[in-house]
Amino acid sequence: MENQIFQLQYAMDTFYFLVMGALVMWMAAGFAMLEAGLVRAKNTTEILTKNVVLYAIAC
């Protein structure tokens, strides 16, 4: 019984970790869109490229 509880706890911890990681990815994408919307149209590509590079380095 105790082993099953530990297995369930491990599974829930893993699930929580994966869901929160996905939310962080969505947050990074949302911030990139916000930042792209705050600059002039000619600078949008540069800002989005900067965000992709920063995210790639961070991961």
PDB file of N, CA and C in Angstrom:
ATOM      1  N   MET A   1       0.823  -1.197   0.000  1.00  0.00           N
ATOM      2  CA  MET A   1       0.000   0.000   0.000  1.00  0.00           C
ATOM      3  C   MET A   1       0.866   1.260   0.000  1.00  0.00           C
ATOM      4  N   GLU A   2       1.900   1.243   0.823  1.00  0.00           N
ATOM      5  CA  GLU A   2       2.776   2.415   0.917  1.00  0.00           C
ATOM      6  C   GLU A   2       3.513   2.649  -0.401  1.00  0.00           C
ATOM      7  N   ASN A   3       3.886   1.558  -1.067  1.00  0.00           N
ATOM      8  CA  ASN A   3       4.568   1.668  -2.356  1.00  0.00           C
ATOM      9  C   ASN A   3       3.650   2.306  -3.403  1.00  0.00           C
ATOM     10  N   GLN A   4       2.372   1.963  -3.382  1.00  0.00           N
ATOM     11  CA  GLN A   4       1.415   2.546  -4.321  1.00  0.00           C
ATOM     12  C   GLN A   4       1.256   4.046  -4.085  1.00  0.00           C
ATOM     13  N   ILE A   5       1.282   4.459  -2.843  1.00  0.00           N
ATOM     14  CA  ILE A   5       1.168   5.885  -2.518  1.00  0.00           C
ATOM     15  C   ILE A   5       2.377   6.635  -3.053  1.00  0.00           C
ATOM     16  N   PHE A   6       3.555   6.068  -2.895  1.00  0.00           N
ATOM     17  CA  PHE A   6       4.763   6.711  -3.413  1.00  0.00           C
ATOM     18  C   PHE A   6       4.742   6.778  -4.940  1.00  0.00           C
ATOM     19  N   GLN A   7       4.256   5.725  -5.581  1.00  0.00           N
ATOM     20  CA  GLN A   7       4.156   5.735  -7.040  1.00  0.00           C
ATOM     21  C   GLN A   7       3.166   6.792  -7.517  1.00  0.00           C
ATOM     22  N   LEU A   8       2.039   6.907  -6.825  1.00  0.00           N
ATOM     23  CA  LEU A   8       1.052   7.927  -7.176  1.00  0.00           C
ATOM     24  C   LEU A   8       1.624   9.323  -6.960  1.00  0.00           C
ATOM     25  N   GLN A   9       2.337   9.515  -5.869  1.00  0.00           N
ATOM     26  CA  GLN A   9       2.947  10.811  -5.590  1.00  0.00           C
ATOM     27  C   GLN A   9       3.974  11.166  -6.665  1.00  0.00           C
ATOM     28  N   TYR A  10       4.766  10.200  -7.077  1.00  0.00           N
ATOM     29  CA  TYR A  10       5.759  10.435  -8.128  1.00  0.00           C
ATOM     30  C   TYR A  10       5.077  10.787  -9.447  1.00  0.00           C
ATOM     31  N   ALA A  11       4.013  10.067  -9.782  1.00  0.00           N
ATOM     32  CA  ALA A  11       3.285  10.340 -11.024  1.00  0.00           C
ATOM     33  C   ALA A  11       2.661  11.728 -10.992  1.00  0.00           C
ATOM     34  N   MET A  12       2.088  12.115  -9.873  1.00  0.00           N
ATOM     35  CA  MET A  12       1.471  13.441  -9.760  1.00  0.00           C
ATOM     36  C   MET A  12       2.523  14.543  -9.811  1.00  0.00           C
ATOM     37  N   ASP A  13       3.663  14.329  -9.177  1.00  0.00           N
ATOM     38  CA  ASP A  13       4.750  15.309  -9.240  1.00  0.00           C
ATOM     39  C   ASP A  13       5.243  15.488 -10.677  1.00  0.00           C
ATOM     40  N   THR A  14       5.393  14.385 -11.391  1.00  0.00           N
ATOM     41  CA  THR A  14       5.838  14.450 -12.783  1.00  0.00           C
ATOM     42  C   THR A  14       4.817  15.172 -13.649  1.00  0.00           C
ATOM     43  N   PHE A  15       3.544  14.853 -13.464  1.00  0.00           N
ATOM     44  CA  PHE A  15       2.479  15.513 -14.217  1.00  0.00           C
ATOM     45  C   PHE A  15       2.469  17.011 -13.933  1.00  0.00           C
ATOM     46  N   TYR A  16       2.573  17.388 -12.677  1.00  0.00           N
ATOM     47  CA  TYR A  16       2.585  18.803 -12.295  1.00  0.00           C
ATOM     48  C   TYR A  16       3.772  19.522 -12.934  1.00  0.00           C
ATOM     49  N   PHE A  17       4.927  18.895 -12.895  1.00  0.00           N
ATOM     50  CA  PHE A  17       6.137  19.484 -13.477  1.00  0.00           C
ATOM     51  C   PHE A  17       5.972  19.707 -14.979  1.00  0.00           C
ATOM     52  N   LEU A  18       5.407  18.741 -15.687  1.00  0.00           N
ATOM     53  CA  LEU A  18       5.216  18.869 -17.131  1.00  0.00           C
ATOM     54  C   LEU A  18       4.186  19.942 -17.475  1.00  0.00           C
ATOM     55  N   VAL A  19       3.101  20.005 -16.722  1.00  0.00           N
ATOM     56  CA  VAL A  19       2.074  21.019 -16.983  1.00  0.00           C
ATOM     57  C   VAL A  19       2.624  22.415 -16.724  1.00  0.00           C
ATOM     58  N   MET A  20       3.351  22.586 -15.641  1.00  0.00           N
ATOM     59  CA  MET A  20       3.915  23.905 -15.343  1.00  0.00           C
ATOM     60  C   MET A  20       4.968  24.299 -16.382  1.00  0.00           C
ATOM     61  N   GLY A  21       5.719  23.336 -16.884  1.00  0.00           N
ATOM     62  CA  GLY A  21       6.678  23.626 -17.954  1.00  0.00           C
ATOM     63  C   GLY A  21       5.983  24.092 -19.217  1.00  0.00           C
ATOM     64  N   ALA A  22       4.858  23.463 -19.543  1.00  0.00           N
ATOM     65  CA  ALA A  22       4.086  23.895 -20.717  1.00  0.00           C
ATOM     66  C   ALA A  22       3.543  25.301 -20.519  1.00  0.00           C
ATOM     67  N   LEU A  23       3.102  25.619 -19.316  1.00  0.00           N
ATOM     68  CA  LEU A  23       2.600  26.970 -19.047  1.00  0.00           C
ATOM     69  C   LEU A  23       3.706  28.013 -19.173  1.00  0.00           C
ATOM     70  N   VAL A  24       4.901  27.663 -18.761  1.00  0.00           N
ATOM     71  CA  VAL A  24       6.022  28.595 -18.912  1.00  0.00           C
ATOM     72  C   VAL A  24       6.320  28.820 -20.389  1.00  0.00           C
ATOM     73  N   MET A  25       6.220  27.768 -21.201  1.00  0.00           N
ATOM     74  CA  MET A  25       6.430  27.936 -22.643  1.00  0.00           C
ATOM     75  C   MET A  25       5.385  28.870 -23.240  1.00  0.00           C
ATOM     76  N   TRP A  26       4.134  28.712 -22.834  1.00  0.00           N
ATOM     77  CA  TRP A  26       3.076  29.606 -23.322  1.00  0.00           C
ATOM     78  C   TRP A  26       3.305  31.033 -22.835  1.00  0.00           C
ATOM     79  N   MET A  27       3.805  31.177 -21.612  1.00  0.00           N
ATOM     80  CA  MET A  27       4.091  32.507 -21.085  1.00  0.00           C
ATOM     81  C   MET A  27       5.176  33.180 -21.912  1.00  0.00           C
ATOM     82  N   ALA A  28       6.199  32.440 -22.293  1.00  0.00           N
ATOM     83  CA  ALA A  28       7.274  33.006 -23.110  1.00  0.00           C
ATOM     84  C   ALA A  28       6.740  33.435 -24.472  1.00  0.00           C
ATOM     85  N   ALA A  29       5.863  32.631 -25.055  1.00  0.00           N
ATOM     86  CA  ALA A  29       5.272  33.000 -26.345  1.00  0.00           C
ATOM     87  C   ALA A  29       4.390  34.237 -26.208  1.00  0.00           C
ATOM     88  N   GLY A  30       3.631  34.313 -25.142  1.00  0.00           N
ATOM     89  CA  GLY A  30       2.786  35.484 -24.914  1.00  0.00           C
ATOM     90  C   GLY A  30       3.602  36.740 -24.706  1.00  0.00           C
ATOM     91  N   PHE A  31       4.687  36.619 -23.963  1.00  0.00           N
ATOM     92  CA  PHE A  31       5.542  37.782 -23.754  1.00  0.00           C
ATOM     93  C   PHE A  31       6.184  38.226 -25.060  1.00  0.00           C
ATOM     94  N   ALA A  32       6.551  37.277 -25.912  1.00  0.00           N
ATOM     95  CA  ALA A  32       7.121  37.629 -27.215  1.00  0.00           C
ATOM     96  C   ALA A  32       6.106  38.395 -28.057  1.00  0.00           C
ATOM     97  N   MET A  33       4.847  37.964 -28.028  1.00  0.00           N
ATOM     98  CA  MET A  33       3.812  38.671 -28.786  1.00  0.00           C
ATOM     99  C   MET A  33       3.558  40.061 -28.212  1.00  0.00           C
ATOM    100  N   LEU A  34       3.566  40.179 -26.901  1.00  0.00           N
ATOM    101  CA  LEU A  34       3.402  41.490 -26.273  1.00  0.00           C
ATOM    102  C   LEU A  34       4.529  42.418 -26.679  1.00  0.00           C
ATOM    103  N   GLU A  35       5.741  41.916 -26.594  1.00  0.00           N
ATOM    104  CA  GLU A  35       6.900  42.730 -26.934  1.00  0.00           C
ATOM    105  C   GLU A  35       6.895  43.107 -28.418  1.00  0.00           C
ATOM    106  N   ALA A  36       6.466  42.186 -29.277  1.00  0.00           N
ATOM    107  CA  ALA A  36       6.394  42.483 -30.711  1.00  0.00           C
ATOM    108  C   ALA A  36       5.322  43.536 -30.999  1.00  0.00           C
ATOM    109  N   GLY A  37       4.272  43.539 -30.209  1.00  0.00           N
ATOM    110  CA  GLY A  37       3.219  44.523 -30.400  1.00  0.00           C
ATOM    111  C   GLY A  37       3.589  45.910 -29.923  1.00  0.00           C
ATOM    112  N   LEU A  38       4.617  46.009 -29.105  1.00  0.00           N
ATOM    113  CA  LEU A  38       5.022  47.303 -28.559  1.00  0.00           C
ATOM    114  C   LEU A  38       6.062  48.023 -29.410  1.00  0.00           C
ATOM    115  N   VAL A  39       6.583  47.357 -30.432  1.00  0.00           N
ATOM    116  CA  VAL A  39       7.608  47.981 -31.270  1.00  0.00           C
ATOM    117  C   VAL A  39       7.028  48.291 -32.642  1.00  0.00           C
ATOM    118  N   ARG A  40       7.767  49.051 -33.417  1.00  0.00           N
ATOM    119  CA  ARG A  40       7.333  49.376 -34.772  1.00  0.00           C
ATOM    120  C   ARG A  40       7.346  48.116 -35.630  1.00  0.00           C
ATOM    121  N   ALA A  41       6.542  48.132 -36.676  1.00  0.00           N
ATOM    122  CA  ALA A  41       6.372  46.944 -37.525  1.00  0.00           C
ATOM    123  C   ALA A  41       7.687  46.479 -38.138  1.00  0.00           C
ATOM    124  N   LYS A  42       8.570  47.409 -38.471  1.00  0.00           N
ATOM    125  CA  LYS A  42       9.829  47.010 -39.103  1.00  0.00           C
ATOM    126  C   LYS A  42      10.768  46.291 -38.127  1.00  0.00           C
ATOM    127  N   ASN A  43      10.535  46.415 -36.828  1.00  0.00           N
ATOM    128  CA  ASN A  43      11.398  45.775 -35.826  1.00  0.00           C
ATOM    129  C   ASN A  43      10.807  44.483 -35.265  1.00  0.00           C
ATOM    130  N   THR A  44       9.638  44.100 -35.721  1.00  0.00           N
ATOM    131  CA  THR A  44       8.961  42.928 -35.169  1.00  0.00           C
ATOM    132  C   THR A  44       9.773  41.651 -35.367  1.00  0.00           C
ATOM    133  N   THR A  45      10.322  41.453 -36.553  1.00  0.00           N
ATOM    134  CA  THR A  45      11.102  40.242 -36.827  1.00  0.00           C
ATOM    135  C   THR A  45      12.316  40.158 -35.919  1.00  0.00           C
ATOM    136  N   GLU A  46      12.973  41.273 -35.710  1.00  0.00           N
ATOM    137  CA  GLU A  46      14.151  41.293 -34.838  1.00  0.00           C
ATOM    138  C   GLU A  46      13.778  40.934 -33.397  1.00  0.00           C
ATOM    139  N   ILE A  47      12.686  41.470 -32.912  1.00  0.00           N
ATOM    140  CA  ILE A  47      12.252  41.199 -31.537  1.00  0.00           C
ATOM    141  C   ILE A  47      11.868  39.728 -31.373  1.00  0.00           C
ATOM    142  N   LEU A  48      11.120  39.188 -32.332  1.00  0.00           N
ATOM    143  CA  LEU A  48      10.727  37.783 -32.232  1.00  0.00           C
ATOM    144  C   LEU A  48      11.933  36.856 -32.338  1.00  0.00           C
ATOM    145  N   THR A  49      12.892  37.196 -33.187  1.00  0.00           N
ATOM    146  CA  THR A  49      14.121  36.406 -33.289  1.00  0.00           C
ATOM    147  C   THR A  49      14.894  36.454 -31.983  1.00  0.00           C
ATOM    148  N   LYS A  50      14.967  37.623 -31.379  1.00  0.00           N
ATOM    149  CA  LYS A  50      15.657  37.765 -30.094  1.00  0.00           C
ATOM    150  C   LYS A  50      15.009  36.878 -29.039  1.00  0.00           C
ATOM    151  N   ASN A  51      13.679  36.854 -28.995  1.00  0.00           N
ATOM    152  CA  ASN A  51      12.980  36.032 -28.011  1.00  0.00           C
ATOM    153  C   ASN A  51      13.190  34.545 -28.252  1.00  0.00           C
ATOM    154  N   VAL A  52      13.207  34.121 -29.506  1.00  0.00           N
ATOM    155  CA  VAL A  52      13.444  32.705 -29.815  1.00  0.00           C
ATOM    156  C   VAL A  52      14.853  32.304 -29.392  1.00  0.00           C
ATOM    157  N   VAL A  53      15.833  33.152 -29.674  1.00  0.00           N
ATOM    158  CA  VAL A  53      17.221  32.854 -29.299  1.00  0.00           C
ATOM    159  C   VAL A  53      17.366  32.803 -27.779  1.00  0.00           C
ATOM    160  N   LEU A  54      16.772  33.756 -27.087  1.00  0.00           N
ATOM    161  CA  LEU A  54      16.857  33.753 -25.623  1.00  0.00           C
ATOM    162  C   LEU A  54      16.195  32.516 -25.032  1.00  0.00           C
ATOM    163  N   TYR A  55      15.066  32.113 -25.589  1.00  0.00           N
ATOM    164  CA  TYR A  55      14.394  30.914 -25.099  1.00  0.00           C
ATOM    165  C   TYR A  55      15.225  29.666 -25.381  1.00  0.00           C
ATOM    166  N   ALA A  56      15.860  29.617 -26.550  1.00  0.00           N
ATOM    167  CA  ALA A  56      16.704  28.465 -26.892  1.00  0.00           C
ATOM    168  C   ALA A  56      17.902  28.363 -25.957  1.00  0.00           C
ATOM    169  N   ILE A  57      18.475  29.504 -25.591  1.00  0.00           N
ATOM    170  CA  ILE A  57      19.610  29.503 -24.667  1.00  0.00           C
ATOM    171  C   ILE A  57      19.162  29.078 -23.271  1.00  0.00           C
ATOM    172  N   ALA A  58      17.998  29.543 -22.856  1.00  0.00           N
ATOM    173  CA  ALA A  58      17.506  29.240 -21.512  1.00  0.00           C
ATOM    174  C   ALA A  58      17.143  27.768 -21.349  1.00  0.00           C
ATOM    175  N   CYS A  59      16.711  27.134 -22.416  1.00  0.00           N
ATOM    176  CA  CYS A  59      16.312  25.722 -22.314  1.00  0.00           C
ATOM    177  C   CYS A  59      17.498  24.859 -22.576  1.00  0.00           C
TER     178      CYS A  59
END
